[in-house]
Amino acid sequence: MAEQQTQQSPKPADTTQAPAATTTAPAAPATTPLEKVYSDFKIEADAAEFKPQTTQKPQEQQQQQPVIPKVPDPFDPNFGAYQQQLATGLTALNQALADTQGRLTNMQQQLTYERTEADIKQAVGTIVEKSGLKPSIAEVALQAKARDDPRFRAIWNNRVKNPVALKAALNAVAEEFQAEFTVKQDPQLVENQRAVQASRNAMATTQRQSDQDKWTGMSPTERQAEVQRMIRGGR
């Protein structure tokens, strides 16, 4: 007998969905003006130290081909004098080369120093104008900022190539310094000063009223006598 195959009907798909888990995203930290500058100019914290902007070396000029003197025969009696002359010239040449390199290095260092000092002075002037701080305080705060903040230091080191980023960063730093170094008055101290001033005003008003009352209560003869006494300096 042939076996009959029974087909089972497929189960209906479960259409009920599990409730989605609700998660509360953490609040984003407040963005400061300086952080916005870092984000706008894509400044990465890759500067390891505070250093001045390096200058490119000038291209070396093409030197003329030197004239090679004729070397005498080693058996020539003048060969020893030739060697002595050659050694003396080589020594003088090396000394001249060392002196020239030293002068060039000093000139380059001096130019770099003067340029850096001018840039610092200009940056301090911007901070003083925006924040109202004293120049000495602004300069110390600027140096501390460049030392402690790698991203600001990167902007400073790249100031020649990207002065727009430096200007925006200085404006943000000035705003930050203004909020940090502004002297805030103690509310209790302000209230005490107001109370003292009010007390002084009240005492002055009472004294004026007392003098007025004294003259109001006098008879004409008494007022005349008081005037004479005041003239004589007896008051």
C-alpha atoms as a PDB file:
ATOM      1  CA  MET A   1       0.000   0.000   0.000  1.00  0.00           C
ATOM      2  CA  ALA A   2       1.365   3.402  -0.981  1.00  0.00           C
ATOM      3  CA  GLU A   3       2.133   5.643   1.914  1.00  0.00           C
ATOM      4  CA  GLN A   4       0.256   8.924   1.946  1.00  0.00           C
ATOM      5  CA  GLN A   5       2.373  11.923   2.839  1.00  0.00           C
ATOM      6  CA  THR A   6       0.704  14.505   4.949  1.00  0.00           C
ATOM      7  CA  GLN A   7       1.839  18.058   4.599  1.00  0.00           C
ATOM      8  CA  GLN A   8       1.849  20.183   7.687  1.00  0.00           C
ATOM      9  CA  SER A   9       0.663  23.752   7.338  1.00  0.00           C
ATOM     10  CA  PRO A  10       3.431  26.321   8.097  1.00  0.00           C
ATOM     11  CA  LYS A  11       3.154  28.295  11.327  1.00  0.00           C
ATOM     12  CA  PRO A  12       2.065  31.885  10.907  1.00  0.00           C
ATOM     13  CA  ALA A  13       4.943  34.325  11.294  1.00  0.00           C
ATOM     14  CA  ASP A  14       5.107  36.141  14.593  1.00  0.00           C
ATOM     15  CA  THR A  15       4.300  39.743  13.726  1.00  0.00           C
ATOM     16  CA  THR A  16       4.575  41.093  17.220  1.00  0.00           C
ATOM     17  CA  GLN A  17       7.660  43.238  17.679  1.00  0.00           C
ATOM     18  CA  ALA A  18       9.545  43.599  20.917  1.00  0.00           C
ATOM     19  CA  PRO A  19       9.394  47.072  22.321  1.00  0.00           C
ATOM     20  CA  ALA A  20      12.464  49.041  21.317  1.00  0.00           C
ATOM     21  CA  ALA A  21      14.813  49.790  24.147  1.00  0.00           C
ATOM     22  CA  THR A  22      14.934  53.477  24.835  1.00  0.00           C
ATOM     23  CA  THR A  23      18.327  54.866  25.666  1.00  0.00           C
ATOM     24  CA  THR A  24      19.042  58.385  26.689  1.00  0.00           C
ATOM     25  CA  ALA A  25      22.005  59.840  24.844  1.00  0.00           C
ATOM     26  CA  PRO A  26      24.440  61.629  27.091  1.00  0.00           C
ATOM     27  CA  ALA A  27      24.374  65.366  26.813  1.00  0.00           C
ATOM     28  CA  ALA A  28      27.060  66.759  24.552  1.00  0.00           C
ATOM     29  CA  PRO A  29      29.668  68.842  26.344  1.00  0.00           C
ATOM     30  CA  ALA A  30      29.452  72.582  25.905  1.00  0.00           C
ATOM     31  CA  THR A  31      31.579  73.845  23.026  1.00  0.00           C
ATOM     32  CA  THR A  32      33.829  76.757  23.895  1.00  0.00           C
ATOM     33  CA  PRO A  33      34.829  79.367  21.292  1.00  0.00           C
ATOM     34  CA  LEU A  34      38.371  77.960  21.228  1.00  0.00           C
ATOM     35  CA  GLU A  35      37.097  74.394  20.689  1.00  0.00           C
ATOM     36  CA  LYS A  36      35.034  75.719  17.760  1.00  0.00           C
ATOM     37  CA  VAL A  37      38.185  77.221  16.260  1.00  0.00           C
ATOM     38  CA  TYR A  38      39.975  73.865  16.585  1.00  0.00           C
ATOM     39  CA  SER A  39      37.044  72.143  14.874  1.00  0.00           C
ATOM     40  CA  ASP A  40      36.680  74.721  12.069  1.00  0.00           C
ATOM     41  CA  PHE A  41      40.366  74.632  11.153  1.00  0.00           C
ATOM     42  CA  LYS A  42      40.793  70.879  11.834  1.00  0.00           C
ATOM     43  CA  ILE A  43      43.641  71.382  14.275  1.00  0.00           C
ATOM     44  CA  GLU A  44      45.109  68.141  15.574  1.00  0.00           C
ATOM     45  CA  ALA A  45      47.084  67.826  18.803  1.00  0.00           C
ATOM     46  CA  ASP A  46      50.288  66.827  17.047  1.00  0.00           C
ATOM     47  CA  ALA A  47      52.628  69.602  18.168  1.00  0.00           C
ATOM     48  CA  ALA A  48      55.054  68.218  20.723  1.00  0.00           C
ATOM     49  CA  GLU A  49      56.759  71.419  21.783  1.00  0.00           C
ATOM     50  CA  PHE A  50      56.537  75.195  21.541  1.00  0.00           C
ATOM     51  CA  LYS A  51      59.037  76.246  18.894  1.00  0.00           C
ATOM     52  CA  PRO A  52      59.387  79.132  16.434  1.00  0.00           C
ATOM     53  CA  GLN A  53      58.555  78.807  12.779  1.00  0.00           C
ATOM     54  CA  THR A  54      61.509  77.435  10.824  1.00  0.00           C
ATOM     55  CA  THR A  55      62.589  79.261   7.713  1.00  0.00           C
ATOM     56  CA  GLN A  56      63.517  77.649   4.435  1.00  0.00           C
ATOM     57  CA  LYS A  57      67.176  77.663   3.497  1.00  0.00           C
ATOM     58  CA  PRO A  58      68.007  79.863   0.509  1.00  0.00           C
ATOM     59  CA  GLN A  59      69.123  78.110  -2.611  1.00  0.00           C
ATOM     60  CA  GLU A  60      72.852  77.855  -2.932  1.00  0.00           C
ATOM     61  CA  GLN A  61      74.353  79.875  -5.729  1.00  0.00           C
ATOM     62  CA  GLN A  62      76.282  78.034  -8.384  1.00  0.00           C
ATOM     63  CA  GLN A  63      79.967  78.334  -7.615  1.00  0.00           C
ATOM     64  CA  GLN A  64      82.587  78.860 -10.228  1.00  0.00           C
ATOM     65  CA  GLN A  65      84.919  76.007 -11.001  1.00  0.00           C
ATOM     66  CA  PRO A  66      88.158  76.589  -9.057  1.00  0.00           C
ATOM     67  CA  VAL A  67      91.470  76.617 -10.860  1.00  0.00           C
ATOM     68  CA  ILE A  68      93.454  73.510  -9.892  1.00  0.00           C
ATOM     69  CA  PRO A  69      97.157  74.312  -9.516  1.00  0.00           C
ATOM     70  CA  LYS A  70      99.747  72.070 -11.136  1.00  0.00           C
ATOM     71  CA  VAL A  71     101.110  69.468  -8.734  1.00  0.00           C
ATOM     72  CA  PRO A  72     104.909  69.248  -8.893  1.00  0.00           C
ATOM     73  CA  ASP A  73     106.768  65.985  -9.188  1.00  0.00           C
ATOM     74  CA  PRO A  74     107.372  64.315  -5.794  1.00  0.00           C
ATOM     75  CA  PHE A  75     111.064  64.172  -6.592  1.00  0.00           C
ATOM     76  CA  ASP A  76     111.162  67.906  -7.277  1.00  0.00           C
ATOM     77  CA  PRO A  77     113.104  69.815  -4.587  1.00  0.00           C
ATOM     78  CA  ASN A  78     110.183  72.250  -4.274  1.00  0.00           C
ATOM     79  CA  PHE A  79     107.653  69.495  -3.519  1.00  0.00           C
ATOM     80  CA  GLY A  80     107.992  69.965   0.282  1.00  0.00           C
ATOM     81  CA  ALA A  81     107.292  73.685  -0.017  1.00  0.00           C
ATOM     82  CA  TYR A  82     104.242  72.878  -2.159  1.00  0.00           C
ATOM     83  CA  GLN A  83     102.866  70.567   0.530  1.00  0.00           C
ATOM     84  CA  GLN A  84     103.433  73.201   3.186  1.00  0.00           C
ATOM     85  CA  GLN A  85     101.662  75.823   1.115  1.00  0.00           C
ATOM     86  CA  LEU A  86      98.765  73.458   0.449  1.00  0.00           C
ATOM     87  CA  ALA A  87      98.319  72.663   4.172  1.00  0.00           C
ATOM     88  CA  THR A  88      98.421  76.352   5.116  1.00  0.00           C
ATOM     89  CA  GLY A  89      95.794  77.222   2.485  1.00  0.00           C
ATOM     90  CA  LEU A  90      93.539  74.368   3.551  1.00  0.00           C
ATOM     91  CA  THR A  91      93.699  75.473   7.191  1.00  0.00           C
ATOM     92  CA  ALA A  92      92.841  79.055   6.273  1.00  0.00           C
ATOM     93  CA  LEU A  93      89.977  77.869   4.071  1.00  0.00           C
ATOM     94  CA  ASN A  94      88.464  75.717   6.823  1.00  0.00           C
ATOM     95  CA  GLN A  95      88.701  78.607   9.297  1.00  0.00           C
ATOM     96  CA  ALA A  96      87.015  80.984   6.878  1.00  0.00           C
ATOM     97  CA  LEU A  97      84.273  78.468   6.199  1.00  0.00           C
ATOM     98  CA  ALA A  98      83.645  77.951   9.926  1.00  0.00           C
ATOM     99  CA  ASP A  99      83.491  81.715  10.513  1.00  0.00           C
ATOM    100  CA  THR A 100      81.027  82.189   7.655  1.00  0.00           C
ATOM    101  CA  GLN A 101      78.768  79.377   8.880  1.00  0.00           C
ATOM    102  CA  GLY A 102      78.847  80.828  12.395  1.00  0.00           C
ATOM    103  CA  ARG A 103      77.840  84.288  11.174  1.00  0.00           C
ATOM    104  CA  LEU A 104      75.031  82.877   9.046  1.00  0.00           C
ATOM    105  CA  THR A 105      73.729  80.829  11.958  1.00  0.00           C
ATOM    106  CA  ASN A 106      73.779  83.856  14.267  1.00  0.00           C
ATOM    107  CA  MET A 107      71.998  85.984  11.674  1.00  0.00           C
ATOM    108  CA  GLN A 108      69.328  83.344  11.151  1.00  0.00           C
ATOM    109  CA  GLN A 109      68.791  82.954  14.893  1.00  0.00           C
ATOM    110  CA  GLN A 110      68.577  86.713  15.340  1.00  0.00           C
ATOM    111  CA  LEU A 111      66.045  87.064  12.523  1.00  0.00           C
ATOM    112  CA  THR A 112      63.967  84.210  13.933  1.00  0.00           C
ATOM    113  CA  TYR A 113      64.081  85.736  17.419  1.00  0.00           C
ATOM    114  CA  GLU A 114      63.060  89.181  16.187  1.00  0.00           C
ATOM    115  CA  ARG A 115      60.230  87.745  14.092  1.00  0.00           C
ATOM    116  CA  THR A 116      58.968  85.646  17.011  1.00  0.00           C
ATOM    117  CA  GLU A 117      59.125  88.612  19.408  1.00  0.00           C
ATOM    118  CA  ALA A 118      57.151  90.736  16.939  1.00  0.00           C
ATOM    119  CA  ASP A 119      54.513  88.004  16.567  1.00  0.00           C
ATOM    120  CA  ILE A 120      54.205  87.639  20.358  1.00  0.00           C
ATOM    121  CA  LYS A 121      53.849  91.404  20.786  1.00  0.00           C
ATOM    122  CA  GLN A 122      51.113  91.515  18.153  1.00  0.00           C
ATOM    123  CA  ALA A 123      49.283  88.547  19.706  1.00  0.00           C
ATOM    124  CA  VAL A 124      49.468  90.110  23.175  1.00  0.00           C
ATOM    125  CA  GLY A 125      48.077  93.359  21.740  1.00  0.00           C
ATOM    126  CA  THR A 126      45.094  91.488  20.314  1.00  0.00           C
ATOM    127  CA  ILE A 127      44.385  89.795  23.655  1.00  0.00           C
ATOM    128  CA  VAL A 128      44.733  93.077  25.578  1.00  0.00           C
ATOM    129  CA  GLU A 129      42.337  94.819  23.205  1.00  0.00           C
ATOM    130  CA  LYS A 130      39.728  92.063  23.410  1.00  0.00           C
ATOM    131  CA  SER A 131      39.999  91.148  27.119  1.00  0.00           C
ATOM    132  CA  GLY A 132      41.090  94.358  28.834  1.00  0.00           C
ATOM    133  CA  LEU A 133      43.958  92.625  30.674  1.00  0.00           C
ATOM    134  CA  LYS A 134      47.309  94.244  31.379  1.00  0.00           C
ATOM    135  CA  PRO A 135      49.964  93.427  28.748  1.00  0.00           C
ATOM    136  CA  SER A 136      52.212  91.683  31.295  1.00  0.00           C
ATOM    137  CA  ILE A 137      49.378  89.407  32.462  1.00  0.00           C
ATOM    138  CA  ALA A 138      48.234  88.728  28.899  1.00  0.00           C
ATOM    139  CA  GLU A 139      51.753  87.712  27.799  1.00  0.00           C
ATOM    140  CA  VAL A 140      52.255  85.292  30.699  1.00  0.00           C
ATOM    141  CA  ALA A 141      48.805  83.769  30.140  1.00  0.00           C
ATOM    142  CA  LEU A 142      49.495  83.407  26.399  1.00  0.00           C
ATOM    143  CA  GLN A 143      52.777  81.581  27.007  1.00  0.00           C
ATOM    144  CA  ALA A 144      51.094  79.256  29.516  1.00  0.00           C
ATOM    145  CA  LYS A 145      48.315  78.541  27.003  1.00  0.00           C
ATOM    146  CA  ALA A 146      50.821  77.660  24.274  1.00  0.00           C
ATOM    147  CA  ARG A 147      52.724  75.402  26.673  1.00  0.00           C
ATOM    148  CA  ASP A 148      49.696  73.531  28.050  1.00  0.00           C
ATOM    149  CA  ASP A 149      47.414  73.317  24.982  1.00  0.00           C
ATOM    150  CA  PRO A 150      48.949  71.291  22.096  1.00  0.00           C
ATOM    151  CA  ARG A 151      46.285  72.359  19.610  1.00  0.00           C
ATOM    152  CA  PHE A 152      46.785  76.056  20.304  1.00  0.00           C
ATOM    153  CA  ARG A 153      50.549  75.476  20.096  1.00  0.00           C
ATOM    154  CA  ALA A 154      50.060  73.859  16.669  1.00  0.00           C
ATOM    155  CA  ILE A 155      48.172  76.950  15.477  1.00  0.00           C
ATOM    156  CA  TRP A 156      50.934  79.199  16.813  1.00  0.00           C
ATOM    157  CA  ASN A 157      53.714  77.190  15.131  1.00  0.00           C
ATOM    158  CA  ASN A 158      51.768  77.319  11.850  1.00  0.00           C
ATOM    159  CA  ARG A 159      50.891  81.031  12.146  1.00  0.00           C
ATOM    160  CA  VAL A 160      52.845  82.052   9.030  1.00  0.00           C
ATOM    161  CA  LYS A 161      50.975  79.622   6.764  1.00  0.00           C
ATOM    162  CA  ASN A 162      47.544  80.065   8.386  1.00  0.00           C
ATOM    163  CA  PRO A 163      47.168  83.542   9.954  1.00  0.00           C
ATOM    164  CA  VAL A 164      43.367  83.304   9.776  1.00  0.00           C
ATOM    165  CA  ALA A 165      43.350  80.393  12.220  1.00  0.00           C
ATOM    166  CA  LEU A 166      45.693  82.286  14.551  1.00  0.00           C
ATOM    167  CA  LYS A 167      43.440  85.348  14.552  1.00  0.00           C
ATOM    168  CA  ALA A 168      40.357  83.280  15.347  1.00  0.00           C
ATOM    169  CA  ALA A 169      42.218  81.405  18.095  1.00  0.00           C
ATOM    170  CA  LEU A 170      43.493  84.635  19.683  1.00  0.00           C
ATOM    171  CA  ASN A 171      39.978  86.092  19.769  1.00  0.00           C
ATOM    172  CA  ALA A 172      38.699  82.935  21.468  1.00  0.00           C
ATOM    173  CA  VAL A 173      41.613  82.909  23.927  1.00  0.00           C
ATOM    174  CA  ALA A 174      40.991  86.570  24.764  1.00  0.00           C
ATOM    175  CA  GLU A 175      37.374  85.769  25.565  1.00  0.00           C
ATOM    176  CA  GLU A 176      38.512  82.853  27.721  1.00  0.00           C
ATOM    177  CA  PHE A 177      41.053  85.010  29.596  1.00  0.00           C
ATOM    178  CA  GLN A 178      38.497  87.740  30.168  1.00  0.00           C
ATOM    179  CA  ALA A 179      36.125  85.290  31.853  1.00  0.00           C
ATOM    180  CA  GLU A 180      38.950  83.721  33.877  1.00  0.00           C
ATOM    181  CA  PHE A 181      40.782  86.801  35.125  1.00  0.00           C
ATOM    182  CA  THR A 182      37.920  89.288  35.610  1.00  0.00           C
ATOM    183  CA  VAL A 183      37.625  90.213  39.301  1.00  0.00           C
ATOM    184  CA  LYS A 184      34.195  89.320  40.636  1.00  0.00           C
ATOM    185  CA  GLN A 185      32.831  91.357  43.551  1.00  0.00           C
ATOM    186  CA  ASP A 186      31.545  89.630  46.648  1.00  0.00           C
ATOM    187  CA  PRO A 187      27.768  90.313  46.952  1.00  0.00           C
ATOM    188  CA  GLN A 188      28.044  90.636  50.746  1.00  0.00           C
ATOM    189  CA  LEU A 189      30.847  93.170  50.381  1.00  0.00           C
ATOM    190  CA  VAL A 190      28.768  95.214  47.960  1.00  0.00           C
ATOM    191  CA  GLU A 191      25.836  95.166  50.378  1.00  0.00           C
ATOM    192  CA  ASN A 192      28.064  96.270  53.279  1.00  0.00           C
ATOM    193  CA  GLN A 193      29.423  99.162  51.240  1.00  0.00           C
ATOM    194  CA  ARG A 194      25.893 100.214  50.309  1.00  0.00           C
ATOM    195  CA  ALA A 195      24.801 100.114  53.964  1.00  0.00           C
ATOM    196  CA  VAL A 196      27.768 102.251  55.053  1.00  0.00           C
ATOM    197  CA  GLN A 197      27.044 104.844  52.373  1.00  0.00           C
ATOM    198  CA  ALA A 198      23.361 104.946  53.357  1.00  0.00           C
ATOM    199  CA  SER A 199      24.322 105.460  57.000  1.00  0.00           C
ATOM    200  CA  ARG A 200      26.617 108.348  56.091  1.00  0.00           C
ATOM    201  CA  ASN A 201      23.889 109.984  54.034  1.00  0.00           C
ATOM    202  CA  ALA A 202      21.441 109.636  56.931  1.00  0.00           C
ATOM    203  CA  MET A 203      23.891 111.208  59.397  1.00  0.00           C
ATOM    204  CA  ALA A 204      24.541 114.152  57.071  1.00  0.00           C
ATOM    205  CA  THR A 205      20.803 114.723  56.639  1.00  0.00           C
ATOM    206  CA  THR A 206      20.220 114.612  60.422  1.00  0.00           C
ATOM    207  CA  GLN A 207      23.012 117.163  60.997  1.00  0.00           C
ATOM    208  CA  ARG A 208      21.502 119.540  58.439  1.00  0.00           C
ATOM    209  CA  GLN A 209      18.062 119.187  60.046  1.00  0.00           C
ATOM    210  CA  SER A 210      19.502 119.857  63.518  1.00  0.00           C
ATOM    211  CA  ASP A 211      21.110 123.132  62.384  1.00  0.00           C
ATOM    212  CA  GLN A 212      17.898 124.184  60.691  1.00  0.00           C
ATOM    213  CA  ASP A 213      15.846 123.424  63.805  1.00  0.00           C
ATOM    214  CA  LYS A 214      18.245 125.527  65.926  1.00  0.00           C
ATOM    215  CA  TRP A 215      17.696 128.618  63.821  1.00  0.00           C
ATOM    216  CA  THR A 216      13.958 128.031  63.538  1.00  0.00           C
ATOM    217  CA  GLY A 217      13.442 128.039  67.308  1.00  0.00           C
ATOM    218  CA  MET A 218      15.358 131.304  67.938  1.00  0.00           C
ATOM    219  CA  SER A 219      13.831 134.714  68.421  1.00  0.00           C
ATOM    220  CA  PRO A 220      15.075 137.593  66.252  1.00  0.00           C
ATOM    221  CA  THR A 221      17.268 138.863  69.110  1.00  0.00           C
ATOM    222  CA  GLU A 222      18.783 135.407  69.639  1.00  0.00           C
ATOM    223  CA  ARG A 223      19.445 134.956  65.942  1.00  0.00           C
ATOM    224  CA  GLN A 224      21.175 138.341  65.824  1.00  0.00           C
ATOM    225  CA  ALA A 225      23.357 137.395  68.803  1.00  0.00           C
ATOM    226  CA  GLU A 226      24.217 134.044  67.231  1.00  0.00           C
ATOM    227  CA  VAL A 227      25.232 135.765  64.000  1.00  0.00           C
ATOM    228  CA  GLN A 228      27.528 138.130  65.910  1.00  0.00           C
ATOM    229  CA  ARG A 229      29.057 135.206  67.787  1.00  0.00           C
ATOM    230  CA  MET A 230      29.705 133.355  64.518  1.00  0.00           C
ATOM    231  CA  ILE A 231      31.361 136.466  63.064  1.00  0.00           C
ATOM    232  CA  ARG A 232      33.692 136.674  66.024  1.00  0.00           C
ATOM    233  CA  GLY A 233      34.606 133.003  65.478  1.00  0.00           C
ATOM    234  CA  GLY A 234      32.961 131.694  68.580  1.00  0.00           C
ATOM    235  CA  ARG A 235      30.992 129.048  66.850  1.00  0.00           C
END
